[in-house]
């Protein structure tokens, strides 16, 4: 998965948090969004590989 897809997932979770029926649901959606955002940042920083890309030298 690409950093862009991770960011899109984070945005989707933030949108879902706006429609949450309870404060707990909203908090959960925001927590999931934060985790997707962290994954995107890790890919951008080169700390993790994007799934589906060939490893160097293969």
PDB file of N, CA and C in Angstrom:
ATOM      1  N   UNK A   1       0.855  -1.179   0.000  1.00  0.00           N
ATOM      2  CA  UNK A   1       0.000   0.000   0.000  1.00  0.00           C
ATOM      3  C   UNK A   1       0.899   1.240   0.000  1.00  0.00           C
ATOM      4  N   UNK A   2       0.430   2.274  -0.616  1.00  0.00           N
ATOM      5  CA  UNK A   2       1.226   3.487  -0.720  1.00  0.00           C
ATOM      6  C   UNK A   2       0.873   4.465   0.401  1.00  0.00           C
ATOM      7  N   UNK A   3       1.763   5.415   0.612  1.00  0.00           N
ATOM      8  CA  UNK A   3       1.525   6.444   1.613  1.00  0.00           C
ATOM      9  C   UNK A   3       0.244   7.212   1.288  1.00  0.00           C
ATOM     10  N   UNK A   4       0.007   7.431  -0.002  1.00  0.00           N
ATOM     11  CA  UNK A   4      -1.207   8.148  -0.409  1.00  0.00           C
ATOM     12  C   UNK A   4      -2.460   7.382  -0.002  1.00  0.00           C
ATOM     13  N   UNK A   5      -2.443   6.076  -0.191  1.00  0.00           N
ATOM     14  CA  UNK A   5      -3.593   5.266   0.207  1.00  0.00           C
ATOM     15  C   UNK A   5      -3.779   5.295   1.722  1.00  0.00           C
ATOM     16  N   UNK A   6      -2.678   5.233   2.460  1.00  0.00           N
ATOM     17  CA  UNK A   6      -2.772   5.335   3.926  1.00  0.00           C
ATOM     18  C   UNK A   6      -3.390   6.667   4.339  1.00  0.00           C
ATOM     19  N   UNK A   7      -2.961   7.755   3.674  1.00  0.00           N
ATOM     20  CA  UNK A   7      -3.534   9.067   3.989  1.00  0.00           C
ATOM     21  C   UNK A   7      -5.023   9.119   3.633  1.00  0.00           C
ATOM     22  N   UNK A   8      -5.391   8.511   2.517  1.00  0.00           N
ATOM     23  CA  UNK A   8      -6.810   8.468   2.147  1.00  0.00           C
ATOM     24  C   UNK A   8      -7.623   7.705   3.180  1.00  0.00           C
ATOM     25  N   UNK A   9      -7.068   6.609   3.681  1.00  0.00           N
ATOM     26  CA  UNK A   9      -7.756   5.852   4.734  1.00  0.00           C
ATOM     27  C   UNK A   9      -7.909   6.696   5.989  1.00  0.00           C
ATOM     28  N   UNK A  10      -6.869   7.446   6.332  1.00  0.00           N
ATOM     29  CA  UNK A  10      -6.943   8.328   7.501  1.00  0.00           C
ATOM     30  C   UNK A  10      -8.040   9.369   7.313  1.00  0.00           C
ATOM     31  N   UNK A  11      -8.104   9.968   6.123  1.00  0.00           N
ATOM     32  CA  UNK A  11      -9.140  10.961   5.840  1.00  0.00           C
ATOM     33  C   UNK A  11     -10.532  10.350   5.943  1.00  0.00           C
ATOM     34  N   UNK A  12     -10.680   9.133   5.429  1.00  0.00           N
ATOM     35  CA  UNK A  12     -11.965   8.451   5.505  1.00  0.00           C
ATOM     36  C   UNK A  12     -12.380   8.236   6.962  1.00  0.00           C
ATOM     37  N   UNK A  13     -11.440   7.830   7.781  1.00  0.00           N
ATOM     38  CA  UNK A  13     -11.743   7.616   9.203  1.00  0.00           C
ATOM     39  C   UNK A  13     -12.121   8.926   9.891  1.00  0.00           C
ATOM     40  N   UNK A  14     -11.457  10.007   9.527  1.00  0.00           N
ATOM     41  CA  UNK A  14     -11.812  11.310  10.110  1.00  0.00           C
ATOM     42  C   UNK A  14     -13.234  11.707   9.716  1.00  0.00           C
ATOM     43  N   UNK A  15     -13.599  11.450   8.465  1.00  0.00           N
ATOM     44  CA  UNK A  15     -14.960  11.749   8.022  1.00  0.00           C
ATOM     45  C   UNK A  15     -15.976  10.897   8.788  1.00  0.00           C
ATOM     46  N   UNK A  16     -15.638   9.627   8.977  1.00  0.00           N
ATOM     47  CA  UNK A  16     -16.540   8.744   9.722  1.00  0.00           C
ATOM     48  C   UNK A  16     -16.690   9.207  11.174  1.00  0.00           C
ATOM     49  N   UNK A  17     -15.632   9.779  11.729  1.00  0.00           N
ATOM     50  CA  UNK A  17     -15.714  10.267  13.112  1.00  0.00           C
ATOM     51  C   UNK A  17     -16.731  11.393  13.238  1.00  0.00           C
ATOM     52  N   UNK A  18     -16.891  12.161  12.168  1.00  0.00           N
ATOM     53  CA  UNK A  18     -17.867  13.253  12.194  1.00  0.00           C
ATOM     54  C   UNK A  18     -19.304  12.738  12.216  1.00  0.00           C
ATOM     55  N   UNK A  19     -19.491  11.507  11.768  1.00  0.00           N
ATOM     56  CA  UNK A  19     -20.825  10.908  11.726  1.00  0.00           C
ATOM     57  C   UNK A  19     -21.070   9.938  12.893  1.00  0.00           C
ATOM     58  N   UNK A  20     -20.098   9.818  13.769  1.00  0.00           N
ATOM     59  CA  UNK A  20     -20.215   8.877  14.883  1.00  0.00           C
ATOM     60  C   UNK A  20     -21.386   9.254  15.785  1.00  0.00           C
ATOM     61  N   UNK A  21     -22.026   8.229  16.294  1.00  0.00           N
ATOM     62  CA  UNK A  21     -23.197   8.454  17.139  1.00  0.00           C
ATOM     63  C   UNK A  21     -22.846   8.665  18.609  1.00  0.00           C
ATOM     64  N   UNK A  22     -21.684   8.200  19.009  1.00  0.00           N
ATOM     65  CA  UNK A  22     -21.289   8.348  20.412  1.00  0.00           C
ATOM     66  C   UNK A  22     -19.878   8.923  20.489  1.00  0.00           C
ATOM     67  N   UNK A  23     -19.558   9.565  21.594  1.00  0.00           N
ATOM     68  CA  UNK A  23     -18.194  10.069  21.772  1.00  0.00           C
ATOM     69  C   UNK A  23     -17.141   8.958  21.690  1.00  0.00           C
ATOM     70  N   UNK A  24     -17.488   7.771  22.190  1.00  0.00           N
ATOM     71  CA  UNK A  24     -16.541   6.653  22.142  1.00  0.00           C
ATOM     72  C   UNK A  24     -16.277   6.238  20.701  1.00  0.00           C
ATOM     73  N   UNK A  25     -17.327   6.190  19.886  1.00  0.00           N
ATOM     74  CA  UNK A  25     -17.148   5.851  18.473  1.00  0.00           C
ATOM     75  C   UNK A  25     -16.288   6.894  17.767  1.00  0.00           C
ATOM     76  N   UNK A  26     -16.555   8.151  18.057  1.00  0.00           N
ATOM     77  CA  UNK A  26     -15.766   9.233  17.451  1.00  0.00           C
ATOM     78  C   UNK A  26     -14.298   9.083  17.824  1.00  0.00           C
ATOM     79  N   UNK A  27     -14.036   8.839  19.090  1.00  0.00           N
ATOM     80  CA  UNK A  27     -12.657   8.675  19.551  1.00  0.00           C
ATOM     81  C   UNK A  27     -11.982   7.492  18.871  1.00  0.00           C
ATOM     82  N   UNK A  28     -12.721   6.405  18.703  1.00  0.00           N
ATOM     83  CA  UNK A  28     -12.155   5.227  18.038  1.00  0.00           C
ATOM     84  C   UNK A  28     -11.815   5.512  16.588  1.00  0.00           C
ATOM     85  N   UNK A  29     -12.708   6.194  15.861  1.00  0.00           N
ATOM     86  CA  UNK A  29     -12.421   6.541  14.465  1.00  0.00           C
ATOM     87  C   UNK A  29     -11.200   7.452  14.372  1.00  0.00           C
ATOM     88  N   UNK A  30     -11.078   8.387  15.299  1.00  0.00           N
ATOM     89  CA  UNK A  30      -9.929   9.291  15.272  1.00  0.00           C
ATOM     90  C   UNK A  30      -8.631   8.564  15.603  1.00  0.00           C
ATOM     91  N   UNK A  31      -8.715   7.587  16.493  1.00  0.00           N
ATOM     92  CA  UNK A  31      -7.529   6.796  16.818  1.00  0.00           C
ATOM     93  C   UNK A  31      -7.077   5.980  15.602  1.00  0.00           C
ATOM     94  N   UNK A  32      -8.020   5.383  14.911  1.00  0.00           N
ATOM     95  CA  UNK A  32      -7.684   4.615  13.709  1.00  0.00           C
ATOM     96  C   UNK A  32      -7.090   5.547  12.651  1.00  0.00           C
ATOM     97  N   UNK A  33      -7.671   6.727  12.499  1.00  0.00           N
ATOM     98  CA  UNK A  33      -7.144   7.710  11.541  1.00  0.00           C
ATOM     99  C   UNK A  33      -5.703   8.061  11.876  1.00  0.00           C
ATOM    100  N   UNK A  34      -5.417   8.231  13.145  1.00  0.00           N
ATOM    101  CA  UNK A  34      -4.059   8.558  13.579  1.00  0.00           C
ATOM    102  C   UNK A  34      -3.078   7.440  13.208  1.00  0.00           C
ATOM    103  N   UNK A  35      -3.502   6.206  13.364  1.00  0.00           N
ATOM    104  CA  UNK A  35      -2.634   5.081  13.018  1.00  0.00           C
ATOM    105  C   UNK A  35      -2.366   5.022  11.510  1.00  0.00           C
ATOM    106  N   UNK A  36      -3.402   5.260  10.685  1.00  0.00           N
ATOM    107  CA  UNK A  36      -3.191   5.314   9.237  1.00  0.00           C
ATOM    108  C   UNK A  36      -2.224   6.433   8.876  1.00  0.00           C
ATOM    109  N   UNK A  37      -2.377   7.577   9.536  1.00  0.00           N
ATOM    110  CA  UNK A  37      -1.501   8.710   9.262  1.00  0.00           C
ATOM    111  C   UNK A  37      -0.053   8.383   9.624  1.00  0.00           C
ATOM    112  N   UNK A  38       0.131   7.704  10.746  1.00  0.00           N
ATOM    113  CA  UNK A  38       1.481   7.302  11.156  1.00  0.00           C
ATOM    114  C   UNK A  38       2.108   6.365  10.127  1.00  0.00           C
ATOM    115  N   UNK A  39       1.316   5.437   9.602  1.00  0.00           N
ATOM    116  CA  UNK A  39       1.827   4.534   8.577  1.00  0.00           C
ATOM    117  C   UNK A  39       2.265   5.316   7.337  1.00  0.00           C
ATOM    118  N   UNK A  40       1.469   6.281   6.922  1.00  0.00           N
ATOM    119  CA  UNK A  40       1.826   7.111   5.770  1.00  0.00           C
ATOM    120  C   UNK A  40       3.137   7.840   6.015  1.00  0.00           C
ATOM    121  N   UNK A  41       3.301   8.368   7.204  1.00  0.00           N
ATOM    122  CA  UNK A  41       4.529   9.088   7.541  1.00  0.00           C
ATOM    123  C   UNK A  41       5.737   8.160   7.567  1.00  0.00           C
ATOM    124  N   UNK A  42       5.524   6.932   8.020  1.00  0.00           N
ATOM    125  CA  UNK A  42       6.615   5.952   8.032  1.00  0.00           C
ATOM    126  C   UNK A  42       7.052   5.603   6.607  1.00  0.00           C
ATOM    127  N   UNK A  43       6.088   5.438   5.708  1.00  0.00           N
ATOM    128  CA  UNK A  43       6.417   5.161   4.313  1.00  0.00           C
ATOM    129  C   UNK A  43       7.173   6.356   3.722  1.00  0.00           C
ATOM    130  N   UNK A  44       6.667   7.554   3.966  1.00  0.00           N
ATOM    131  CA  UNK A  44       7.321   8.756   3.450  1.00  0.00           C
ATOM    132  C   UNK A  44       8.760   8.880   3.950  1.00  0.00           C
ATOM    133  N   UNK A  45       8.980   8.488   5.182  1.00  0.00           N
ATOM    134  CA  UNK A  45      10.319   8.591   5.777  1.00  0.00           C
ATOM    135  C   UNK A  45      11.229   7.443   5.341  1.00  0.00           C
ATOM    136  N   UNK A  46      10.655   6.467   4.652  1.00  0.00           N
ATOM    137  CA  UNK A  46      11.452   5.335   4.199  1.00  0.00           C
ATOM    138  C   UNK A  46      11.695   4.295   5.270  1.00  0.00           C
ATOM    139  N   UNK A  47      10.956   4.379   6.358  1.00  0.00           N
ATOM    140  CA  UNK A  47      11.139   3.432   7.454  1.00  0.00           C
ATOM    141  C   UNK A  47      10.449   2.099   7.209  1.00  0.00           C
ATOM    142  N   UNK A  48       9.430   2.101   6.352  1.00  0.00           N
ATOM    143  CA  UNK A  48       8.778   0.854   5.963  1.00  0.00           C
ATOM    144  C   UNK A  48       8.583   0.885   4.455  1.00  0.00           C
ATOM    145  N   UNK A  49       8.543  -0.283   3.864  1.00  0.00           N
ATOM    146  CA  UNK A  49       8.385  -0.394   2.410  1.00  0.00           C
ATOM    147  C   UNK A  49       6.907  -0.374   2.066  1.00  0.00           C
ATOM    148  N   UNK A  50       6.632   0.116   0.870  1.00  0.00           N
ATOM    149  CA  UNK A  50       5.280   0.054   0.364  1.00  0.00           C
ATOM    150  C   UNK A  50       5.008  -1.371  -0.088  1.00  0.00           C
ATOM    151  N   UNK A  51       3.890  -1.917   0.292  1.00  0.00           N
ATOM    152  CA  UNK A  51       3.538  -3.276  -0.086  1.00  0.00           C
ATOM    153  C   UNK A  51       3.310  -3.326  -1.596  1.00  0.00           C
ATOM    154  N   UNK A  52       3.834  -4.351  -2.201  1.00  0.00           N
ATOM    155  CA  UNK A  52       3.637  -4.521  -3.627  1.00  0.00           C
ATOM    156  C   UNK A  52       4.809  -4.042  -4.460  1.00  0.00           C
ATOM    157  N   UNK A  53       5.766  -3.373  -3.852  1.00  0.00           N
ATOM    158  CA  UNK A  53       6.954  -2.940  -4.574  1.00  0.00           C
ATOM    159  C   UNK A  53       8.052  -3.973  -4.441  1.00  0.00           C
ATOM    160  N   UNK A  54       8.830  -4.118  -5.470  1.00  0.00           N
ATOM    161  CA  UNK A  54       9.944  -5.057  -5.411  1.00  0.00           C
ATOM    162  C   UNK A  54      11.036  -4.503  -4.499  1.00  0.00           C
ATOM    163  N   UNK A  55      11.680  -5.412  -3.793  1.00  0.00           N
ATOM    164  CA  UNK A  55      12.817  -5.026  -2.966  1.00  0.00           C
ATOM    165  C   UNK A  55      13.991  -4.677  -3.868  1.00  0.00           C
ATOM    166  N   UNK A  56      14.883  -3.841  -3.382  1.00  0.00           N
ATOM    167  CA  UNK A  56      16.063  -3.471  -4.154  1.00  0.00           C
ATOM    168  C   UNK A  56      16.845  -4.711  -4.562  1.00  0.00           C
ATOM    169  N   UNK A  57      17.279  -4.721  -5.822  1.00  0.00           N
ATOM    170  CA  UNK A  57      18.122  -5.797  -6.300  1.00  0.00           C
ATOM    171  C   UNK A  57      17.386  -7.050  -6.697  1.00  0.00           C
ATOM    172  N   UNK A  58      16.046  -7.015  -6.718  1.00  0.00           N
ATOM    173  CA  UNK A  58      15.311  -8.216  -7.127  1.00  0.00           C
ATOM    174  C   UNK A  58      14.583  -7.973  -8.414  1.00  0.00           C
TER     175      UNK A  58
END
